[in-house]
Amino acid sequence: MADWKEYNEIIGMGAWDGRNEKDGPYLYWKDGQYVYDYSPGYAGYHGLQHETVIEHRAPHHPILQGLPPQWKHFKDEIYTRLRGPVRNMEILATAYERGRHEPLMWTVSYGKGRIFVDLLGHCGNDPNMTYSMRCTGFQVTLLRGCEWAATGAVTQEVPADFPLKDTYTLRPEFKAPFHAYPETKH
């Protein structure tokens, strides 16, 4: 879908699928500001799953209001080297990965629509590996992001078990209702 211009404006930025410098800059946070890096290269990378600290860059946004400015997320893939048109975006949160702070949550204004993008919550190819989706921080920000996208406001309270910078919290076992990557027939 990298060739679909409107889709890329809706998501703001993405990875893989042949994306490179023609699709827009890399975007990351460095020294207190965003860097728009137009250097050549392909988009998309993630290493092994690991714990990471999520840092809020827009604490005034309704999705993040009242949440700690930093919180620990349980094991997850941290996507890096994202590229795209990066128009009408507000970066909500980043995580430090491979030498820089990479965007993990953002919003996009598109026409009359509100889009919330959250790159956390991977179960890979095993629907029983749902530990990143059990992280309270992931669940709360996803629910608040969906409410904001639907209504423009967030009415949900911050739960007492929301993680802090040095500790993550996991909620009881979660079973994925579907297989993440369905079998395809060739």
N, C-alpha and C. Protein backbone atom coordinates (compact mmCIF):
# COMPACT_ATOMS: atom_id res chain seq x y z
N MET A 1 0.81 -1.19 0.00
CA MET A 1 0.00 0.00 0.00
C MET A 1 0.86 1.26 0.00
N ALA A 2 2.16 1.06 -0.09
CA ALA A 2 3.05 2.23 -0.09
C ALA A 2 2.79 3.15 -1.28
N ASP A 3 2.24 2.61 -2.37
CA ASP A 3 1.99 3.42 -3.56
C ASP A 3 0.64 4.16 -3.50
N TRP A 4 -0.15 3.93 -2.51
CA TRP A 4 -1.47 4.55 -2.38
C TRP A 4 -1.30 5.85 -1.60
N LYS A 5 -1.27 6.96 -2.32
CA LYS A 5 -0.98 8.28 -1.73
C LYS A 5 -1.93 8.64 -0.60
N GLU A 6 -3.22 8.50 -0.83
CA GLU A 6 -4.20 8.88 0.19
C GLU A 6 -4.05 8.04 1.46
N TYR A 7 -3.82 6.74 1.31
CA TYR A 7 -3.62 5.88 2.48
C TYR A 7 -2.44 6.37 3.31
N ASN A 8 -1.35 6.72 2.65
CA ASN A 8 -0.16 7.18 3.37
C ASN A 8 -0.40 8.51 4.07
N GLU A 9 -1.24 9.36 3.50
CA GLU A 9 -1.59 10.60 4.19
C GLU A 9 -2.48 10.32 5.40
N ILE A 10 -3.30 9.29 5.32
CA ILE A 10 -4.17 8.92 6.43
C ILE A 10 -3.35 8.36 7.60
N ILE A 11 -2.35 7.51 7.31
CA ILE A 11 -1.56 6.91 8.40
C ILE A 11 -0.38 7.79 8.82
N GLY A 12 0.00 8.76 8.02
CA GLY A 12 1.09 9.67 8.37
C GLY A 12 2.46 9.16 7.99
N MET A 13 2.78 7.95 8.42
CA MET A 13 4.04 7.31 8.04
C MET A 13 3.92 5.82 8.29
N GLY A 14 4.79 5.08 7.63
CA GLY A 14 4.75 3.63 7.74
C GLY A 14 6.12 3.04 7.47
N ALA A 15 6.13 1.73 7.26
CA ALA A 15 7.39 1.02 7.06
C ALA A 15 7.19 -0.11 6.07
N TRP A 16 8.29 -0.68 5.63
CA TRP A 16 8.33 -1.81 4.74
C TRP A 16 7.58 -1.53 3.44
N ASP A 17 7.19 -2.56 2.72
CA ASP A 17 6.41 -2.44 1.49
C ASP A 17 7.10 -1.55 0.46
N GLY A 18 8.46 -1.55 0.47
CA GLY A 18 9.21 -0.80 -0.53
C GLY A 18 9.36 0.68 -0.26
N ARG A 19 8.93 1.16 0.90
CA ARG A 19 9.05 2.59 1.20
C ARG A 19 10.52 3.00 1.28
N ASN A 20 10.80 4.20 0.74
CA ASN A 20 12.14 4.76 0.82
C ASN A 20 12.03 6.28 0.78
N GLU A 21 13.13 6.96 0.48
CA GLU A 21 13.16 8.43 0.55
C GLU A 21 12.11 9.10 -0.34
N LYS A 22 11.66 8.45 -1.41
CA LYS A 22 10.63 9.05 -2.28
C LYS A 22 9.29 9.16 -1.56
N ASP A 23 9.12 8.40 -0.47
CA ASP A 23 7.86 8.40 0.27
C ASP A 23 7.81 9.43 1.39
N GLY A 24 8.94 10.07 1.65
CA GLY A 24 8.99 11.08 2.70
C GLY A 24 10.14 10.85 3.65
N PRO A 25 10.30 11.72 4.62
CA PRO A 25 11.45 11.64 5.52
C PRO A 25 11.25 10.59 6.62
N TYR A 26 12.38 10.18 7.21
CA TYR A 26 12.33 9.53 8.51
C TYR A 26 11.94 10.62 9.50
N LEU A 27 11.23 10.28 10.54
CA LEU A 27 10.87 11.25 11.56
C LEU A 27 11.22 10.66 12.92
N TYR A 28 12.00 11.40 13.71
CA TYR A 28 12.34 10.96 15.06
C TYR A 28 12.61 12.17 15.93
N TRP A 29 12.74 11.95 17.24
CA TRP A 29 12.92 13.00 18.24
C TRP A 29 14.38 13.00 18.68
N LYS A 30 15.00 14.19 18.66
CA LYS A 30 16.39 14.30 19.10
C LYS A 30 16.61 15.70 19.67
N ASP A 31 17.26 15.77 20.82
CA ASP A 31 17.62 17.05 21.45
C ASP A 31 16.42 17.98 21.60
N GLY A 32 15.28 17.44 22.00
CA GLY A 32 14.12 18.26 22.29
C GLY A 32 13.30 18.71 21.10
N GLN A 33 13.56 18.13 19.93
CA GLN A 33 12.76 18.52 18.76
C GLN A 33 12.69 17.36 17.76
N TYR A 34 11.75 17.49 16.83
CA TYR A 34 11.62 16.47 15.80
C TYR A 34 12.62 16.71 14.69
N VAL A 35 13.16 15.61 14.18
CA VAL A 35 14.11 15.66 13.07
C VAL A 35 13.41 15.03 11.87
N TYR A 36 13.40 15.78 10.77
CA TYR A 36 12.88 15.28 9.49
C TYR A 36 14.11 14.93 8.67
N ASP A 37 14.40 13.65 8.55
CA ASP A 37 15.63 13.16 7.95
C ASP A 37 15.32 12.65 6.54
N TYR A 38 15.82 13.37 5.55
CA TYR A 38 15.55 13.03 4.14
C TYR A 38 16.64 12.16 3.53
N SER A 39 17.50 11.58 4.34
CA SER A 39 18.58 10.75 3.80
C SER A 39 17.99 9.52 3.12
N PRO A 40 18.72 8.97 2.13
CA PRO A 40 18.21 7.80 1.41
C PRO A 40 18.18 6.56 2.30
N GLY A 41 17.34 5.63 1.93
CA GLY A 41 17.27 4.36 2.65
C GLY A 41 15.85 3.85 2.77
N TYR A 42 15.78 2.56 3.03
CA TYR A 42 14.48 1.92 3.16
C TYR A 42 13.87 2.17 4.53
N ALA A 43 12.56 2.00 4.59
CA ALA A 43 11.82 2.22 5.83
C ALA A 43 11.51 0.89 6.50
N GLY A 44 11.62 0.89 7.82
CA GLY A 44 11.15 -0.24 8.59
C GLY A 44 12.23 -1.13 9.15
N TYR A 45 12.17 -1.28 10.46
CA TYR A 45 13.06 -2.19 11.17
C TYR A 45 12.46 -2.43 12.55
N HIS A 46 12.68 -3.61 13.07
CA HIS A 46 12.45 -3.87 14.49
C HIS A 46 13.39 -4.99 14.92
N GLY A 47 13.86 -4.89 16.13
CA GLY A 47 14.70 -5.92 16.70
C GLY A 47 13.86 -6.91 17.49
N LEU A 48 14.52 -7.59 18.43
CA LEU A 48 13.83 -8.53 19.29
C LEU A 48 12.90 -7.78 20.24
N GLN A 49 11.89 -8.46 20.70
CA GLN A 49 10.97 -7.85 21.67
C GLN A 49 11.70 -7.60 22.98
N HIS A 50 11.41 -6.46 23.60
CA HIS A 50 12.03 -6.12 24.88
C HIS A 50 11.19 -5.07 25.59
N GLU A 51 11.46 -4.89 26.87
CA GLU A 51 10.79 -3.84 27.64
C GLU A 51 11.33 -2.49 27.19
N THR A 52 10.50 -1.45 27.27
CA THR A 52 10.94 -0.11 26.89
C THR A 52 10.16 0.93 27.68
N VAL A 53 10.75 2.10 27.79
CA VAL A 53 10.08 3.21 28.45
C VAL A 53 9.43 4.08 27.38
N ILE A 54 8.14 4.31 27.51
CA ILE A 54 7.38 5.17 26.60
C ILE A 54 7.45 6.58 27.16
N GLU A 55 7.80 7.55 26.30
CA GLU A 55 7.91 8.95 26.73
C GLU A 55 6.88 9.79 25.98
N HIS A 56 6.07 10.50 26.73
CA HIS A 56 5.03 11.34 26.12
C HIS A 56 5.65 12.63 25.58
N ARG A 57 5.27 13.00 24.38
CA ARG A 57 5.74 14.23 23.74
C ARG A 57 4.63 15.27 23.64
N ALA A 58 3.40 14.87 23.92
CA ALA A 58 2.25 15.79 23.85
C ALA A 58 1.33 15.52 25.04
N PRO A 59 1.82 15.76 26.27
CA PRO A 59 1.02 15.42 27.45
C PRO A 59 -0.30 16.17 27.55
N HIS A 60 -0.44 17.27 26.80
CA HIS A 60 -1.69 18.04 26.79
C HIS A 60 -2.80 17.35 25.99
N HIS A 61 -2.44 16.39 25.13
CA HIS A 61 -3.43 15.75 24.27
C HIS A 61 -4.40 14.93 25.13
N PRO A 62 -5.70 14.95 24.79
CA PRO A 62 -6.69 14.21 25.60
C PRO A 62 -6.35 12.73 25.81
N ILE A 63 -5.72 12.08 24.84
CA ILE A 63 -5.37 10.67 25.00
C ILE A 63 -4.38 10.48 26.15
N LEU A 64 -3.48 11.42 26.33
CA LEU A 64 -2.41 11.28 27.32
C LEU A 64 -2.66 12.04 28.62
N GLN A 65 -3.64 12.93 28.63
CA GLN A 65 -3.87 13.75 29.83
C GLN A 65 -4.06 12.89 31.07
N GLY A 66 -3.32 13.25 32.12
CA GLY A 66 -3.42 12.55 33.38
C GLY A 66 -2.54 11.33 33.51
N LEU A 67 -1.93 10.88 32.40
CA LEU A 67 -1.04 9.72 32.45
C LEU A 67 0.36 10.17 32.86
N PRO A 68 1.16 9.27 33.46
CA PRO A 68 2.54 9.64 33.78
C PRO A 68 3.29 10.00 32.50
N PRO A 69 4.22 10.96 32.54
CA PRO A 69 4.94 11.37 31.34
C PRO A 69 5.85 10.29 30.76
N GLN A 70 6.23 9.33 31.59
CA GLN A 70 7.01 8.18 31.15
C GLN A 70 6.44 6.94 31.84
N TRP A 71 6.40 5.83 31.10
CA TRP A 71 5.93 4.58 31.69
C TRP A 71 6.56 3.40 30.97
N LYS A 72 6.72 2.33 31.72
CA LYS A 72 7.38 1.14 31.16
C LYS A 72 6.35 0.25 30.48
N HIS A 73 6.69 -0.15 29.27
CA HIS A 73 5.87 -1.08 28.49
C HIS A 73 6.57 -2.43 28.49
N PHE A 74 5.79 -3.50 28.61
CA PHE A 74 6.35 -4.84 28.63
C PHE A 74 6.88 -5.22 27.24
N LYS A 75 7.44 -6.39 27.12
CA LYS A 75 8.10 -6.85 25.89
C LYS A 75 7.26 -6.59 24.64
N ASP A 76 7.90 -5.96 23.66
CA ASP A 76 7.21 -5.65 22.41
C ASP A 76 8.26 -5.36 21.34
N GLU A 77 7.84 -5.42 20.08
CA GLU A 77 8.68 -4.97 18.97
C GLU A 77 8.58 -3.45 18.91
N ILE A 78 9.71 -2.78 18.80
CA ILE A 78 9.71 -1.33 18.67
C ILE A 78 10.08 -1.01 17.23
N TYR A 79 9.11 -0.51 16.47
CA TYR A 79 9.34 -0.20 15.06
C TYR A 79 10.17 1.07 14.94
N THR A 80 11.11 1.04 14.00
CA THR A 80 11.98 2.19 13.78
C THR A 80 12.08 2.48 12.28
N ARG A 81 12.67 3.63 11.98
CA ARG A 81 12.95 4.04 10.60
C ARG A 81 11.66 4.15 9.77
N LEU A 82 10.64 4.77 10.37
CA LEU A 82 9.38 4.98 9.66
C LEU A 82 9.51 6.18 8.73
N ARG A 83 8.80 6.11 7.61
CA ARG A 83 8.83 7.20 6.62
C ARG A 83 7.41 7.46 6.15
N GLY A 84 7.22 8.66 5.62
CA GLY A 84 5.92 8.97 5.05
C GLY A 84 5.77 10.45 4.83
N PRO A 85 4.57 10.87 4.41
CA PRO A 85 4.34 12.29 4.15
C PRO A 85 4.39 13.13 5.43
N VAL A 86 4.16 12.53 6.59
CA VAL A 86 4.18 13.19 7.91
C VAL A 86 3.46 14.54 7.90
N ARG A 87 2.25 14.57 7.32
CA ARG A 87 1.43 15.79 7.29
C ARG A 87 0.31 15.68 8.32
N ASN A 88 -0.04 16.82 8.89
CA ASN A 88 -1.18 16.90 9.81
C ASN A 88 -1.07 15.90 10.96
N MET A 89 0.17 15.66 11.41
CA MET A 89 0.44 14.69 12.47
C MET A 89 0.78 15.39 13.78
N GLU A 90 0.43 14.73 14.87
CA GLU A 90 0.92 15.13 16.18
C GLU A 90 1.48 13.87 16.83
N ILE A 91 2.78 13.87 17.09
CA ILE A 91 3.41 12.73 17.74
C ILE A 91 3.05 12.78 19.22
N LEU A 92 2.48 11.69 19.72
CA LEU A 92 2.09 11.63 21.12
C LEU A 92 3.17 11.02 22.00
N ALA A 93 3.83 9.96 21.51
CA ALA A 93 4.79 9.26 22.36
C ALA A 93 5.89 8.63 21.52
N THR A 94 7.07 8.51 22.15
CA THR A 94 8.23 7.89 21.51
C THR A 94 8.85 6.89 22.47
N ALA A 95 9.78 6.08 21.93
CA ALA A 95 10.61 5.20 22.75
C ALA A 95 12.02 5.22 22.16
N TYR A 96 13.01 5.09 23.02
CA TYR A 96 14.40 5.11 22.59
C TYR A 96 14.78 3.74 22.04
N GLU A 97 15.23 3.73 20.80
CA GLU A 97 15.58 2.49 20.12
C GLU A 97 16.63 2.78 19.07
N ARG A 98 17.69 2.01 19.07
CA ARG A 98 18.76 2.13 18.07
C ARG A 98 19.31 3.55 17.97
N GLY A 99 19.52 4.19 19.11
CA GLY A 99 20.20 5.48 19.13
C GLY A 99 19.34 6.71 18.99
N ARG A 100 18.02 6.55 18.92
CA ARG A 100 17.16 7.73 18.83
C ARG A 100 15.76 7.41 19.33
N HIS A 101 15.01 8.46 19.58
CA HIS A 101 13.62 8.30 20.05
C HIS A 101 12.70 8.20 18.84
N GLU A 102 12.07 7.04 18.70
CA GLU A 102 11.21 6.76 17.55
C GLU A 102 9.74 6.93 17.92
N PRO A 103 8.93 7.53 17.04
CA PRO A 103 7.49 7.68 17.30
C PRO A 103 6.80 6.31 17.39
N LEU A 104 5.95 6.17 18.39
CA LEU A 104 5.18 4.94 18.56
C LEU A 104 3.68 5.18 18.60
N MET A 105 3.29 6.40 18.95
CA MET A 105 1.87 6.78 18.96
C MET A 105 1.75 8.17 18.38
N TRP A 106 0.76 8.35 17.49
CA TRP A 106 0.52 9.67 16.93
C TRP A 106 -0.92 9.78 16.45
N THR A 107 -1.30 11.00 16.17
CA THR A 107 -2.61 11.26 15.58
C THR A 107 -2.41 11.94 14.24
N VAL A 108 -3.40 11.78 13.39
CA VAL A 108 -3.42 12.44 12.08
C VAL A 108 -4.80 13.07 11.91
N SER A 109 -4.82 14.31 11.47
CA SER A 109 -6.08 14.96 11.07
C SER A 109 -6.19 14.79 9.57
N TYR A 110 -7.29 14.22 9.13
CA TYR A 110 -7.48 13.97 7.70
C TYR A 110 -8.91 14.36 7.34
N GLY A 111 -9.05 15.47 6.64
CA GLY A 111 -10.39 15.98 6.35
C GLY A 111 -11.11 16.22 7.66
N LYS A 112 -12.30 15.63 7.80
CA LYS A 112 -13.04 15.75 9.06
C LYS A 112 -12.73 14.60 10.01
N GLY A 113 -11.82 13.72 9.60
CA GLY A 113 -11.52 12.53 10.41
C GLY A 113 -10.38 12.72 11.39
N ARG A 114 -10.42 11.90 12.44
CA ARG A 114 -9.36 11.84 13.44
C ARG A 114 -8.80 10.41 13.42
N ILE A 115 -7.50 10.29 13.25
CA ILE A 115 -6.86 8.99 13.20
C ILE A 115 -5.91 8.87 14.38
N PHE A 116 -5.94 7.73 15.05
CA PHE A 116 -4.99 7.42 16.12
C PHE A 116 -4.18 6.21 15.70
N VAL A 117 -2.86 6.32 15.73
CA VAL A 117 -1.96 5.23 15.36
C VAL A 117 -1.18 4.82 16.60
N ASP A 118 -1.16 3.52 16.87
CA ASP A 118 -0.43 2.96 18.01
C ASP A 118 0.34 1.75 17.50
N LEU A 119 1.66 1.79 17.57
CA LEU A 119 2.48 0.70 17.05
C LEU A 119 2.77 -0.38 18.09
N LEU A 120 2.23 -0.27 19.27
CA LEU A 120 2.47 -1.27 20.32
C LEU A 120 1.44 -2.39 20.22
N GLY A 121 1.71 -3.50 20.93
CA GLY A 121 0.74 -4.57 21.06
C GLY A 121 0.90 -5.71 20.06
N HIS A 122 2.10 -6.23 19.90
CA HIS A 122 2.34 -7.31 18.93
C HIS A 122 2.21 -8.68 19.58
N CYS A 123 1.62 -9.61 18.85
CA CYS A 123 1.64 -11.01 19.30
C CYS A 123 2.37 -11.87 18.27
N GLY A 124 2.90 -11.26 17.24
CA GLY A 124 3.66 -12.02 16.25
C GLY A 124 2.81 -13.07 15.58
N ASN A 125 3.41 -14.20 15.33
CA ASN A 125 2.73 -15.28 14.62
C ASN A 125 2.14 -16.30 15.59
N ASP A 126 2.15 -15.99 16.87
CA ASP A 126 1.66 -16.92 17.88
C ASP A 126 0.58 -16.23 18.71
N PRO A 127 -0.69 -16.57 18.53
CA PRO A 127 -1.76 -15.89 19.26
C PRO A 127 -1.69 -16.13 20.77
N ASN A 128 -0.83 -17.04 21.23
CA ASN A 128 -0.65 -17.24 22.66
C ASN A 128 0.40 -16.32 23.25
N MET A 129 1.14 -15.61 22.42
CA MET A 129 2.17 -14.67 22.90
C MET A 129 1.56 -13.27 22.96
N THR A 130 0.68 -13.07 23.90
CA THR A 130 -0.07 -11.82 23.98
C THR A 130 0.42 -10.91 25.09
N TYR A 131 1.62 -11.16 25.60
CA TYR A 131 2.08 -10.39 26.76
C TYR A 131 2.14 -8.89 26.49
N SER A 132 2.50 -8.45 25.30
CA SER A 132 2.54 -7.00 25.05
C SER A 132 1.13 -6.40 25.07
N MET A 133 0.12 -7.19 24.70
CA MET A 133 -1.26 -6.71 24.76
C MET A 133 -1.82 -6.74 26.17
N ARG A 134 -1.16 -7.46 27.08
CA ARG A 134 -1.59 -7.51 28.48
C ARG A 134 -1.07 -6.32 29.27
N CYS A 135 -0.15 -5.55 28.70
CA CYS A 135 0.39 -4.39 29.40
C CYS A 135 -0.73 -3.36 29.61
N THR A 136 -0.89 -2.94 30.85
CA THR A 136 -1.93 -1.97 31.17
C THR A 136 -1.77 -0.69 30.36
N GLY A 137 -0.53 -0.24 30.19
CA GLY A 137 -0.29 0.99 29.41
C GLY A 137 -0.78 0.87 27.99
N PHE A 138 -0.53 -0.27 27.35
CA PHE A 138 -1.02 -0.48 25.98
C PHE A 138 -2.55 -0.46 25.96
N GLN A 139 -3.18 -1.23 26.84
CA GLN A 139 -4.64 -1.30 26.84
C GLN A 139 -5.29 0.06 27.07
N VAL A 140 -4.76 0.80 28.03
CA VAL A 140 -5.35 2.09 28.36
C VAL A 140 -5.17 3.09 27.22
N THR A 141 -3.97 3.19 26.66
CA THR A 141 -3.76 4.17 25.58
C THR A 141 -4.54 3.78 24.32
N LEU A 142 -4.67 2.48 24.05
CA LEU A 142 -5.46 2.06 22.89
C LEU A 142 -6.94 2.44 23.09
N LEU A 143 -7.49 2.15 24.25
CA LEU A 143 -8.89 2.50 24.50
C LEU A 143 -9.12 4.00 24.47
N ARG A 144 -8.22 4.75 25.09
CA ARG A 144 -8.36 6.21 25.09
C ARG A 144 -8.20 6.76 23.67
N GLY A 145 -7.28 6.17 22.89
CA GLY A 145 -7.10 6.61 21.50
C GLY A 145 -8.32 6.34 20.64
N CYS A 146 -8.95 5.18 20.85
CA CYS A 146 -10.17 4.86 20.09
C CYS A 146 -11.30 5.80 20.47
N GLU A 147 -11.44 6.09 21.77
CA GLU A 147 -12.49 7.01 22.20
C GLU A 147 -12.26 8.40 21.59
N TRP A 148 -11.01 8.86 21.62
CA TRP A 148 -10.70 10.18 21.05
C TRP A 148 -10.99 10.20 19.54
N ALA A 149 -10.59 9.15 18.81
CA ALA A 149 -10.83 9.11 17.37
C ALA A 149 -12.32 9.15 17.06
N ALA A 150 -13.13 8.51 17.88
CA ALA A 150 -14.57 8.45 17.65
C ALA A 150 -15.30 9.73 18.07
N THR A 151 -14.83 10.39 19.15
CA THR A 151 -15.61 11.49 19.72
C THR A 151 -14.87 12.82 19.82
N GLY A 152 -13.54 12.78 19.76
CA GLY A 152 -12.75 13.99 19.96
C GLY A 152 -12.47 14.29 21.42
N ALA A 153 -12.95 13.44 22.32
CA ALA A 153 -12.73 13.64 23.75
C ALA A 153 -12.36 12.30 24.39
N VAL A 154 -11.85 12.36 25.61
CA VAL A 154 -11.55 11.15 26.38
C VAL A 154 -12.19 11.31 27.75
N THR A 155 -13.07 10.37 28.09
CA THR A 155 -13.77 10.42 29.38
C THR A 155 -13.26 9.37 30.36
N GLN A 156 -12.41 8.47 29.89
CA GLN A 156 -11.93 7.38 30.74
C GLN A 156 -10.95 7.87 31.79
N GLU A 157 -11.13 7.40 33.00
CA GLU A 157 -10.22 7.73 34.10
C GLU A 157 -8.92 6.95 33.94
N VAL A 158 -7.86 7.47 34.54
CA VAL A 158 -6.58 6.75 34.57
C VAL A 158 -6.69 5.68 35.65
N PRO A 159 -6.51 4.40 35.29
CA PRO A 159 -6.66 3.35 36.29
C PRO A 159 -5.50 3.33 37.28
N ALA A 160 -5.76 2.81 38.46
CA ALA A 160 -4.75 2.75 39.51
C ALA A 160 -3.57 1.87 39.13
N ASP A 161 -3.78 0.90 38.22
CA ASP A 161 -2.68 0.01 37.84
C ASP A 161 -1.89 0.49 36.62
N PHE A 162 -2.06 1.76 36.23
CA PHE A 162 -1.28 2.27 35.09
C PHE A 162 0.20 2.24 35.46
N PRO A 163 1.07 1.78 34.54
CA PRO A 163 2.49 1.64 34.87
C PRO A 163 3.20 2.97 35.08
N LEU A 164 4.33 2.89 35.76
CA LEU A 164 5.21 4.03 35.97
C LEU A 164 6.51 3.82 35.22
N LYS A 165 7.42 4.76 35.30
CA LYS A 165 8.67 4.70 34.53
C LYS A 165 9.49 3.44 34.82
N ASP A 166 9.49 3.00 36.06
CA ASP A 166 10.35 1.89 36.44
C ASP A 166 9.64 0.55 36.55
N THR A 167 8.33 0.54 36.40
CA THR A 167 7.58 -0.71 36.57
C THR A 167 6.46 -0.81 35.55
N TYR A 168 6.32 -1.96 34.94
CA TYR A 168 5.18 -2.21 34.06
C TYR A 168 4.13 -2.96 34.86
N THR A 169 2.92 -2.97 34.37
CA THR A 169 1.87 -3.79 34.97
C THR A 169 1.19 -4.59 33.87
N LEU A 170 0.94 -5.85 34.17
CA LEU A 170 0.26 -6.74 33.23
C LEU A 170 -1.09 -7.11 33.81
N ARG A 171 -2.07 -7.15 32.95
CA ARG A 171 -3.41 -7.57 33.35
C ARG A 171 -3.54 -9.07 33.12
N PRO A 172 -4.61 -9.69 33.65
CA PRO A 172 -4.74 -11.14 33.53
C PRO A 172 -4.64 -11.63 32.08
N GLU A 173 -4.41 -12.90 31.97
CA GLU A 173 -4.19 -13.54 30.67
C GLU A 173 -5.19 -13.05 29.63
N PHE A 174 -4.69 -12.82 28.44
CA PHE A 174 -5.49 -12.34 27.32
C PHE A 174 -5.29 -13.31 26.17
N LYS A 175 -6.34 -13.80 25.59
CA LYS A 175 -6.26 -14.68 24.43
C LYS A 175 -6.67 -13.91 23.20
N ALA A 176 -5.80 -13.91 22.20
CA ALA A 176 -6.12 -13.23 20.94
C ALA A 176 -7.31 -13.94 20.30
N PRO A 177 -8.33 -13.20 19.83
CA PRO A 177 -9.52 -13.82 19.26
C PRO A 177 -9.33 -14.31 17.83
N PHE A 178 -8.14 -14.12 17.29
CA PHE A 178 -7.88 -14.50 15.91
C PHE A 178 -6.41 -14.84 15.78
N HIS A 179 -6.07 -15.51 14.71
CA HIS A 179 -4.66 -15.76 14.43
C HIS A 179 -4.11 -14.53 13.73
N ALA A 180 -3.00 -14.03 14.22
CA ALA A 180 -2.46 -12.76 13.72
C ALA A 180 -2.17 -12.79 12.23
N TYR A 181 -1.68 -13.90 11.73
CA TYR A 181 -1.34 -14.00 10.31
C TYR A 181 -2.01 -15.24 9.74
N PRO A 182 -3.21 -15.09 9.19
CA PRO A 182 -3.93 -16.27 8.69
C PRO A 182 -3.17 -16.94 7.55
N GLU A 183 -3.35 -18.23 7.47
CA GLU A 183 -2.73 -19.00 6.40
C GLU A 183 -3.27 -18.51 5.05
N THR A 184 -2.40 -18.43 4.07
CA THR A 184 -2.85 -18.07 2.72
C THR A 184 -2.54 -19.22 1.79
N LYS A 185 -3.39 -19.42 0.83
CA LYS A 185 -3.19 -20.49 -0.15
C LYS A 185 -2.64 -19.89 -1.42
N HIS A 186 -1.64 -20.53 -1.96
CA HIS A 186 -1.00 -20.03 -3.18
C HIS A 186 -1.46 -20.81 -4.38
